Amino acid sequence: MNDPVPAPAIATPIEHFMKAGTLQTDRATRALHTVAAAAQLAASGIDPAMIGELSQMQIATIERMRALRDTWSRDWESWWHYAAQLGSSNTMSKLVERETNIFAQMGQLLGSQMTDWMGLQENIEVNYAYWLKQKLDQKGRDGAA
């Protein structure tokens, strides 16, 4: 006998809201751990090599931001050229379809930019936390030796 395949669970709006809250709470918790690690490292002393490493991380971040800016500028320029054209719509339904497509593409660009920006922020947070852990572990080994 073939049992019917159960329908996939559909998340309710409250479940979406709760997921976002959970992710934000996790992110805030990681940020607090990073702040505590940064304070611990600062209290144990920062050497010139660390300043150089932090500067390199900042330079890498700025370069990534510039790359995002350049990509976004090209994407928006392309969108603008497309949106500014009248197209060959000869009926209202075709015109509505085109105008809807223009706005859908704008939404896609905005979503992509938000995703890119959040990805960069998370990358910075992870890299900095990893760097702090390495430095604190090294200080722990050096202090134990």
N, C-alpha and C. Protein backbone atom coordinates (compact mmCIF):
# COMPACT_ATOMS: atom_id res chain seq x y z
N MET A 1 0.84 -1.17 0.00
CA MET A 1 0.00 0.00 0.00
C MET A 1 0.89 1.24 0.00
N ASN A 2 0.56 2.19 -0.83
CA ASN A 2 1.34 3.42 -0.90
C ASN A 2 0.77 4.44 0.08
N ASP A 3 1.61 4.82 1.03
CA ASP A 3 1.21 5.86 1.95
C ASP A 3 1.40 7.20 1.27
N PRO A 4 0.48 8.10 1.48
CA PRO A 4 0.66 9.42 0.87
C PRO A 4 1.86 10.13 1.48
N VAL A 5 2.55 10.85 0.64
CA VAL A 5 3.70 11.62 1.11
C VAL A 5 3.16 12.82 1.89
N PRO A 6 3.65 13.00 3.11
CA PRO A 6 3.14 14.13 3.89
C PRO A 6 3.57 15.45 3.24
N ALA A 7 2.69 16.40 3.33
CA ALA A 7 2.99 17.73 2.80
C ALA A 7 4.09 18.36 3.64
N PRO A 8 4.98 19.12 3.01
CA PRO A 8 6.02 19.78 3.79
C PRO A 8 5.41 20.80 4.74
N ALA A 9 6.04 20.94 5.88
CA ALA A 9 5.56 21.92 6.85
C ALA A 9 5.75 23.32 6.28
N ILE A 10 4.75 24.14 6.44
CA ILE A 10 4.82 25.51 5.96
C ILE A 10 5.04 26.41 7.17
N ALA A 11 6.10 27.18 7.11
CA ALA A 11 6.42 28.06 8.22
C ALA A 11 5.41 29.20 8.29
N THR A 12 4.99 29.48 9.48
CA THR A 12 4.06 30.60 9.68
C THR A 12 4.86 31.89 9.76
N PRO A 13 4.20 33.02 9.59
CA PRO A 13 4.92 34.30 9.72
C PRO A 13 5.63 34.44 11.07
N ILE A 14 5.01 33.94 12.12
CA ILE A 14 5.65 34.04 13.44
C ILE A 14 6.92 33.21 13.49
N GLU A 15 6.93 32.07 12.79
CA GLU A 15 8.14 31.24 12.76
C GLU A 15 9.26 31.95 12.00
N HIS A 16 8.91 32.66 10.94
CA HIS A 16 9.92 33.45 10.23
C HIS A 16 10.48 34.53 11.15
N PHE A 17 9.59 35.20 11.87
CA PHE A 17 10.00 36.24 12.80
C PHE A 17 10.90 35.67 13.89
N MET A 18 10.52 34.51 14.42
CA MET A 18 11.31 33.89 15.48
C MET A 18 12.69 33.46 14.97
N LYS A 19 12.76 32.98 13.74
CA LYS A 19 14.05 32.58 13.15
C LYS A 19 14.98 33.79 13.07
N ALA A 20 14.44 34.91 12.60
CA ALA A 20 15.25 36.13 12.53
C ALA A 20 15.72 36.54 13.92
N GLY A 21 14.83 36.44 14.90
CA GLY A 21 15.21 36.78 16.27
C GLY A 21 16.29 35.86 16.81
N THR A 22 16.18 34.58 16.52
CA THR A 22 17.19 33.61 16.96
C THR A 22 18.55 33.92 16.33
N LEU A 23 18.55 34.20 15.04
CA LEU A 23 19.81 34.51 14.36
C LEU A 23 20.43 35.80 14.90
N GLN A 24 19.59 36.81 15.18
CA GLN A 24 20.11 38.06 15.74
C GLN A 24 20.65 37.84 17.15
N THR A 25 19.98 37.02 17.93
CA THR A 25 20.46 36.71 19.28
C THR A 25 21.80 35.99 19.22
N ASP A 26 21.92 35.02 18.32
CA ASP A 26 23.19 34.30 18.16
C ASP A 26 24.30 35.27 17.75
N ARG A 27 23.98 36.17 16.83
CA ARG A 27 24.98 37.14 16.37
C ARG A 27 25.39 38.07 17.51
N ALA A 28 24.43 38.54 18.28
CA ALA A 28 24.74 39.42 19.41
C ALA A 28 25.58 38.69 20.45
N THR A 29 25.30 37.43 20.69
CA THR A 29 26.09 36.64 21.64
C THR A 29 27.53 36.51 21.16
N ARG A 30 27.71 36.21 19.87
CA ARG A 30 29.07 36.13 19.32
C ARG A 30 29.78 37.47 19.43
N ALA A 31 29.05 38.56 19.20
CA ALA A 31 29.65 39.89 19.30
C ALA A 31 30.11 40.17 20.73
N LEU A 32 29.31 39.77 21.71
CA LEU A 32 29.71 39.97 23.11
C LEU A 32 30.95 39.16 23.46
N HIS A 33 31.04 37.94 22.95
CA HIS A 33 32.24 37.13 23.17
C HIS A 33 33.45 37.78 22.51
N THR A 34 33.25 38.37 21.35
CA THR A 34 34.35 39.04 20.65
C THR A 34 34.80 40.27 21.42
N VAL A 35 33.86 41.03 21.95
CA VAL A 35 34.20 42.21 22.75
C VAL A 35 34.99 41.78 23.99
N ALA A 36 34.56 40.72 24.64
CA ALA A 36 35.27 40.23 25.82
C ALA A 36 36.68 39.78 25.45
N ALA A 37 36.82 39.09 24.33
CA ALA A 37 38.15 38.65 23.89
C ALA A 37 39.03 39.83 23.53
N ALA A 38 38.45 40.86 22.90
CA ALA A 38 39.23 42.05 22.55
C ALA A 38 39.70 42.77 23.81
N ALA A 39 38.84 42.86 24.82
CA ALA A 39 39.23 43.49 26.08
C ALA A 39 40.32 42.68 26.77
N GLN A 40 40.20 41.36 26.72
CA GLN A 40 41.22 40.49 27.33
C GLN A 40 42.56 40.67 26.61
N LEU A 41 42.54 40.73 25.29
CA LEU A 41 43.77 40.92 24.54
C LEU A 41 44.38 42.29 24.82
N ALA A 42 43.55 43.32 24.85
CA ALA A 42 44.06 44.67 25.13
C ALA A 42 44.69 44.73 26.52
N ALA A 43 44.07 44.05 27.49
CA ALA A 43 44.60 44.05 28.85
C ALA A 43 45.93 43.31 28.94
N SER A 44 46.14 42.34 28.06
CA SER A 44 47.39 41.57 28.11
C SER A 44 48.51 42.22 27.29
N GLY A 45 48.18 43.28 26.59
CA GLY A 45 49.20 44.01 25.84
C GLY A 45 49.14 43.73 24.35
N ILE A 46 49.21 44.81 23.60
CA ILE A 46 49.18 44.72 22.14
C ILE A 46 50.54 45.16 21.62
N ASP A 47 51.10 44.34 20.75
CA ASP A 47 52.42 44.67 20.21
C ASP A 47 52.28 45.26 18.80
N PRO A 48 53.36 45.85 18.28
CA PRO A 48 53.31 46.48 16.95
C PRO A 48 52.89 45.52 15.83
N ALA A 49 53.25 44.25 15.94
CA ALA A 49 52.86 43.28 14.90
C ALA A 49 51.33 43.15 14.85
N MET A 50 50.70 43.19 16.01
CA MET A 50 49.23 43.09 16.04
C MET A 50 48.60 44.30 15.36
N ILE A 51 49.17 45.48 15.60
CA ILE A 51 48.65 46.69 14.96
C ILE A 51 48.75 46.55 13.44
N GLY A 52 49.87 46.00 12.97
CA GLY A 52 50.04 45.77 11.54
C GLY A 52 49.02 44.79 10.99
N GLU A 53 48.76 43.72 11.74
CA GLU A 53 47.77 42.73 11.30
C GLU A 53 46.37 43.32 11.26
N LEU A 54 46.04 44.12 12.26
CA LEU A 54 44.74 44.79 12.27
C LEU A 54 44.61 45.74 11.08
N SER A 55 45.69 46.44 10.78
CA SER A 55 45.68 47.35 9.63
C SER A 55 45.45 46.58 8.34
N GLN A 56 46.08 45.41 8.22
CA GLN A 56 45.88 44.58 7.02
C GLN A 56 44.42 44.12 6.91
N MET A 57 43.81 43.78 8.04
CA MET A 57 42.40 43.39 8.01
C MET A 57 41.53 44.56 7.57
N GLN A 58 41.86 45.77 8.05
CA GLN A 58 41.10 46.95 7.65
C GLN A 58 41.26 47.22 6.15
N ILE A 59 42.47 47.10 5.65
CA ILE A 59 42.72 47.32 4.22
C ILE A 59 41.93 46.31 3.39
N ALA A 60 41.94 45.06 3.81
CA ALA A 60 41.18 44.02 3.09
C ALA A 60 39.69 44.33 3.10
N THR A 61 39.19 44.83 4.22
CA THR A 61 37.78 45.20 4.31
C THR A 61 37.45 46.34 3.35
N ILE A 62 38.30 47.35 3.33
CA ILE A 62 38.08 48.49 2.43
C ILE A 62 38.12 48.04 0.98
N GLU A 63 39.04 47.15 0.64
CA GLU A 63 39.11 46.64 -0.74
C GLU A 63 37.85 45.88 -1.10
N ARG A 64 37.34 45.10 -0.17
CA ARG A 64 36.10 44.35 -0.44
C ARG A 64 34.92 45.31 -0.60
N MET A 65 34.88 46.36 0.22
CA MET A 65 33.82 47.35 0.11
C MET A 65 33.88 48.06 -1.24
N ARG A 66 35.08 48.38 -1.68
CA ARG A 66 35.23 49.01 -3.00
C ARG A 66 34.76 48.08 -4.11
N ALA A 67 35.10 46.81 -4.00
CA ALA A 67 34.67 45.84 -5.02
C ALA A 67 33.14 45.74 -5.04
N LEU A 68 32.52 45.73 -3.87
CA LEU A 68 31.06 45.71 -3.81
C LEU A 68 30.48 46.97 -4.44
N ARG A 69 31.04 48.11 -4.09
CA ARG A 69 30.57 49.38 -4.66
C ARG A 69 30.65 49.36 -6.18
N ASP A 70 31.78 48.90 -6.71
CA ASP A 70 31.96 48.86 -8.16
C ASP A 70 30.95 47.94 -8.83
N THR A 71 30.75 46.78 -8.23
CA THR A 71 29.77 45.83 -8.78
C THR A 71 28.37 46.41 -8.73
N TRP A 72 28.02 46.99 -7.60
CA TRP A 72 26.69 47.58 -7.45
C TRP A 72 26.48 48.71 -8.44
N SER A 73 27.51 49.55 -8.62
CA SER A 73 27.39 50.66 -9.57
C SER A 73 27.12 50.15 -10.98
N ARG A 74 27.86 49.12 -11.39
CA ARG A 74 27.64 48.54 -12.72
C ARG A 74 26.24 47.95 -12.83
N ASP A 75 25.82 47.24 -11.79
CA ASP A 75 24.49 46.63 -11.82
C ASP A 75 23.38 47.68 -11.93
N TRP A 76 23.50 48.75 -11.14
CA TRP A 76 22.48 49.80 -11.18
C TRP A 76 22.51 50.56 -12.49
N GLU A 77 23.69 50.78 -13.03
CA GLU A 77 23.78 51.45 -14.33
C GLU A 77 23.09 50.62 -15.41
N SER A 78 23.33 49.32 -15.39
CA SER A 78 22.69 48.42 -16.34
C SER A 78 21.17 48.44 -16.16
N TRP A 79 20.73 48.39 -14.91
CA TRP A 79 19.30 48.43 -14.63
C TRP A 79 18.69 49.74 -15.13
N TRP A 80 19.39 50.84 -14.87
CA TRP A 80 18.87 52.15 -15.26
C TRP A 80 18.71 52.24 -16.78
N HIS A 81 19.69 51.75 -17.52
CA HIS A 81 19.59 51.76 -18.98
C HIS A 81 18.40 50.93 -19.45
N TYR A 82 18.19 49.80 -18.83
CA TYR A 82 17.05 48.96 -19.19
C TYR A 82 15.73 49.65 -18.82
N ALA A 83 15.66 50.19 -17.61
CA ALA A 83 14.43 50.80 -17.12
C ALA A 83 14.07 52.06 -17.90
N ALA A 84 15.07 52.78 -18.40
CA ALA A 84 14.82 54.03 -19.10
C ALA A 84 14.29 53.82 -20.52
N GLN A 85 14.45 52.64 -21.05
CA GLN A 85 13.96 52.37 -22.41
C GLN A 85 12.44 52.15 -22.37
N LEU A 86 11.79 52.62 -23.41
CA LEU A 86 10.34 52.43 -23.47
C LEU A 86 9.95 51.02 -23.84
N GLY A 87 10.79 50.34 -24.56
CA GLY A 87 10.47 48.98 -24.98
C GLY A 87 9.48 48.99 -26.14
N SER A 88 9.06 47.83 -26.52
CA SER A 88 8.17 47.72 -27.68
C SER A 88 6.77 47.29 -27.29
N SER A 89 6.35 47.68 -26.11
CA SER A 89 5.01 47.30 -25.64
C SER A 89 3.96 47.96 -26.53
N ASN A 90 3.05 47.14 -27.06
CA ASN A 90 1.99 47.70 -27.90
C ASN A 90 0.60 47.43 -27.31
N THR A 91 0.58 46.85 -26.11
CA THR A 91 -0.69 46.65 -25.40
C THR A 91 -0.46 46.98 -23.94
N MET A 92 -1.54 47.26 -23.24
CA MET A 92 -1.42 47.56 -21.81
C MET A 92 -0.86 46.37 -21.04
N SER A 93 -1.27 45.17 -21.41
CA SER A 93 -0.77 44.00 -20.69
C SER A 93 0.74 43.86 -20.85
N LYS A 94 1.26 44.15 -22.04
CA LYS A 94 2.72 44.08 -22.26
C LYS A 94 3.43 45.19 -21.50
N LEU A 95 2.82 46.37 -21.46
CA LEU A 95 3.41 47.48 -20.72
C LEU A 95 3.46 47.16 -19.23
N VAL A 96 2.38 46.62 -18.69
CA VAL A 96 2.34 46.25 -17.27
C VAL A 96 3.38 45.17 -16.99
N GLU A 97 3.49 44.20 -17.89
CA GLU A 97 4.48 43.14 -17.72
C GLU A 97 5.89 43.73 -17.66
N ARG A 98 6.19 44.66 -18.57
CA ARG A 98 7.52 45.27 -18.61
C ARG A 98 7.79 46.10 -17.35
N GLU A 99 6.83 46.92 -16.97
CA GLU A 99 7.01 47.76 -15.78
C GLU A 99 7.17 46.90 -14.53
N THR A 100 6.40 45.84 -14.44
CA THR A 100 6.53 44.92 -13.31
C THR A 100 7.91 44.27 -13.30
N ASN A 101 8.40 43.92 -14.47
CA ASN A 101 9.73 43.33 -14.58
C ASN A 101 10.81 44.32 -14.13
N ILE A 102 10.64 45.59 -14.48
CA ILE A 102 11.60 46.61 -14.05
C ILE A 102 11.66 46.66 -12.53
N PHE A 103 10.50 46.67 -11.88
CA PHE A 103 10.48 46.73 -10.42
C PHE A 103 10.96 45.43 -9.79
N ALA A 104 10.67 44.32 -10.43
CA ALA A 104 11.17 43.04 -9.91
C ALA A 104 12.70 43.00 -9.96
N GLN A 105 13.27 43.52 -11.05
CA GLN A 105 14.73 43.57 -11.14
C GLN A 105 15.32 44.50 -10.09
N MET A 106 14.63 45.61 -9.82
CA MET A 106 15.10 46.51 -8.77
C MET A 106 15.09 45.80 -7.42
N GLY A 107 14.03 45.08 -7.14
CA GLY A 107 13.96 44.31 -5.89
C GLY A 107 15.06 43.28 -5.80
N GLN A 108 15.36 42.63 -6.93
CA GLN A 108 16.44 41.65 -6.97
C GLN A 108 17.78 42.31 -6.67
N LEU A 109 18.02 43.48 -7.26
CA LEU A 109 19.28 44.19 -7.00
C LEU A 109 19.39 44.60 -5.53
N LEU A 110 18.31 45.11 -4.97
CA LEU A 110 18.34 45.50 -3.56
C LEU A 110 18.59 44.30 -2.66
N GLY A 111 17.92 43.20 -2.95
CA GLY A 111 18.12 41.98 -2.16
C GLY A 111 19.55 41.48 -2.26
N SER A 112 20.09 41.53 -3.45
CA SER A 112 21.47 41.10 -3.66
C SER A 112 22.45 41.99 -2.89
N GLN A 113 22.20 43.30 -2.91
CA GLN A 113 23.07 44.21 -2.18
C GLN A 113 23.00 43.96 -0.68
N MET A 114 21.81 43.76 -0.16
CA MET A 114 21.69 43.49 1.28
C MET A 114 22.39 42.20 1.65
N THR A 115 22.27 41.19 0.81
CA THR A 115 22.94 39.92 1.06
C THR A 115 24.45 40.08 1.01
N ASP A 116 24.95 40.81 0.00
CA ASP A 116 26.39 41.06 -0.10
C ASP A 116 26.90 41.80 1.13
N TRP A 117 26.17 42.83 1.54
CA TRP A 117 26.60 43.64 2.68
C TRP A 117 26.60 42.82 3.97
N MET A 118 25.55 42.03 4.18
CA MET A 118 25.50 41.20 5.38
C MET A 118 26.60 40.15 5.35
N GLY A 119 26.87 39.59 4.17
CA GLY A 119 27.96 38.62 4.04
C GLY A 119 29.30 39.23 4.41
N LEU A 120 29.52 40.47 3.98
CA LEU A 120 30.78 41.15 4.33
C LEU A 120 30.85 41.37 5.83
N GLN A 121 29.77 41.83 6.43
CA GLN A 121 29.76 42.05 7.87
C GLN A 121 30.06 40.76 8.63
N GLU A 122 29.41 39.69 8.24
CA GLU A 122 29.65 38.41 8.92
C GLU A 122 31.08 37.93 8.71
N ASN A 123 31.61 38.14 7.52
CA ASN A 123 32.99 37.74 7.24
C ASN A 123 33.96 38.51 8.13
N ILE A 124 33.74 39.80 8.28
CA ILE A 124 34.59 40.62 9.14
C ILE A 124 34.51 40.12 10.59
N GLU A 125 33.30 39.87 11.06
CA GLU A 125 33.12 39.40 12.43
C GLU A 125 33.83 38.07 12.68
N VAL A 126 33.68 37.14 11.76
CA VAL A 126 34.31 35.82 11.91
C VAL A 126 35.82 35.94 11.86
N ASN A 127 36.33 36.71 10.90
CA ASN A 127 37.79 36.87 10.78
C ASN A 127 38.39 37.52 12.02
N TYR A 128 37.74 38.55 12.53
CA TYR A 128 38.26 39.24 13.70
C TYR A 128 38.21 38.33 14.93
N ALA A 129 37.11 37.60 15.10
CA ALA A 129 37.01 36.67 16.24
C ALA A 129 38.08 35.59 16.14
N TYR A 130 38.32 35.08 14.94
CA TYR A 130 39.35 34.05 14.74
C TYR A 130 40.73 34.63 15.06
N TRP A 131 41.00 35.84 14.59
CA TRP A 131 42.28 36.50 14.85
C TRP A 131 42.47 36.68 16.36
N LEU A 132 41.43 37.15 17.05
CA LEU A 132 41.52 37.32 18.50
C LEU A 132 41.83 36.00 19.20
N LYS A 133 41.14 34.94 18.80
CA LYS A 133 41.38 33.63 19.41
C LYS A 133 42.82 33.19 19.21
N GLN A 134 43.34 33.37 17.99
CA GLN A 134 44.74 33.01 17.73
C GLN A 134 45.68 33.79 18.63
N LYS A 135 45.45 35.08 18.77
CA LYS A 135 46.34 35.92 19.58
C LYS A 135 46.25 35.54 21.05
N LEU A 136 45.05 35.29 21.54
CA LEU A 136 44.90 34.90 22.95
C LEU A 136 45.51 33.53 23.21
N ASP A 137 45.32 32.59 22.27
CA ASP A 137 45.94 31.27 22.41
C ASP A 137 47.46 31.40 22.43
N GLN A 138 47.99 32.24 21.56
CA GLN A 138 49.44 32.44 21.50
C GLN A 138 49.95 33.05 22.80
N LYS A 139 49.24 34.03 23.32
CA LYS A 139 49.66 34.65 24.58
C LYS A 139 49.58 33.63 25.71
N GLY A 140 48.57 32.75 25.66
CA GLY A 140 48.46 31.69 26.67
C GLY A 140 49.63 30.73 26.61
N ARG A 141 50.03 30.35 25.39
CA ARG A 141 51.18 29.45 25.23
C ARG A 141 52.47 30.14 25.66
N ASP A 142 52.62 31.41 25.26
CA ASP A 142 53.83 32.14 25.62
C ASP A 142 53.92 32.37 27.12
N GLY A 143 52.77 32.58 27.76
CA GLY A 143 52.76 32.79 29.20
C GLY A 143 53.01 31.51 29.97
N ALA A 144 52.62 30.38 29.40
CA ALA A 144 52.80 29.09 30.06
C ALA A 144 54.22 28.57 29.89
N ALA A 145 54.92 29.11 28.89
CA ALA A 145 56.28 28.61 28.61
C ALA A 145 57.30 29.15 29.55
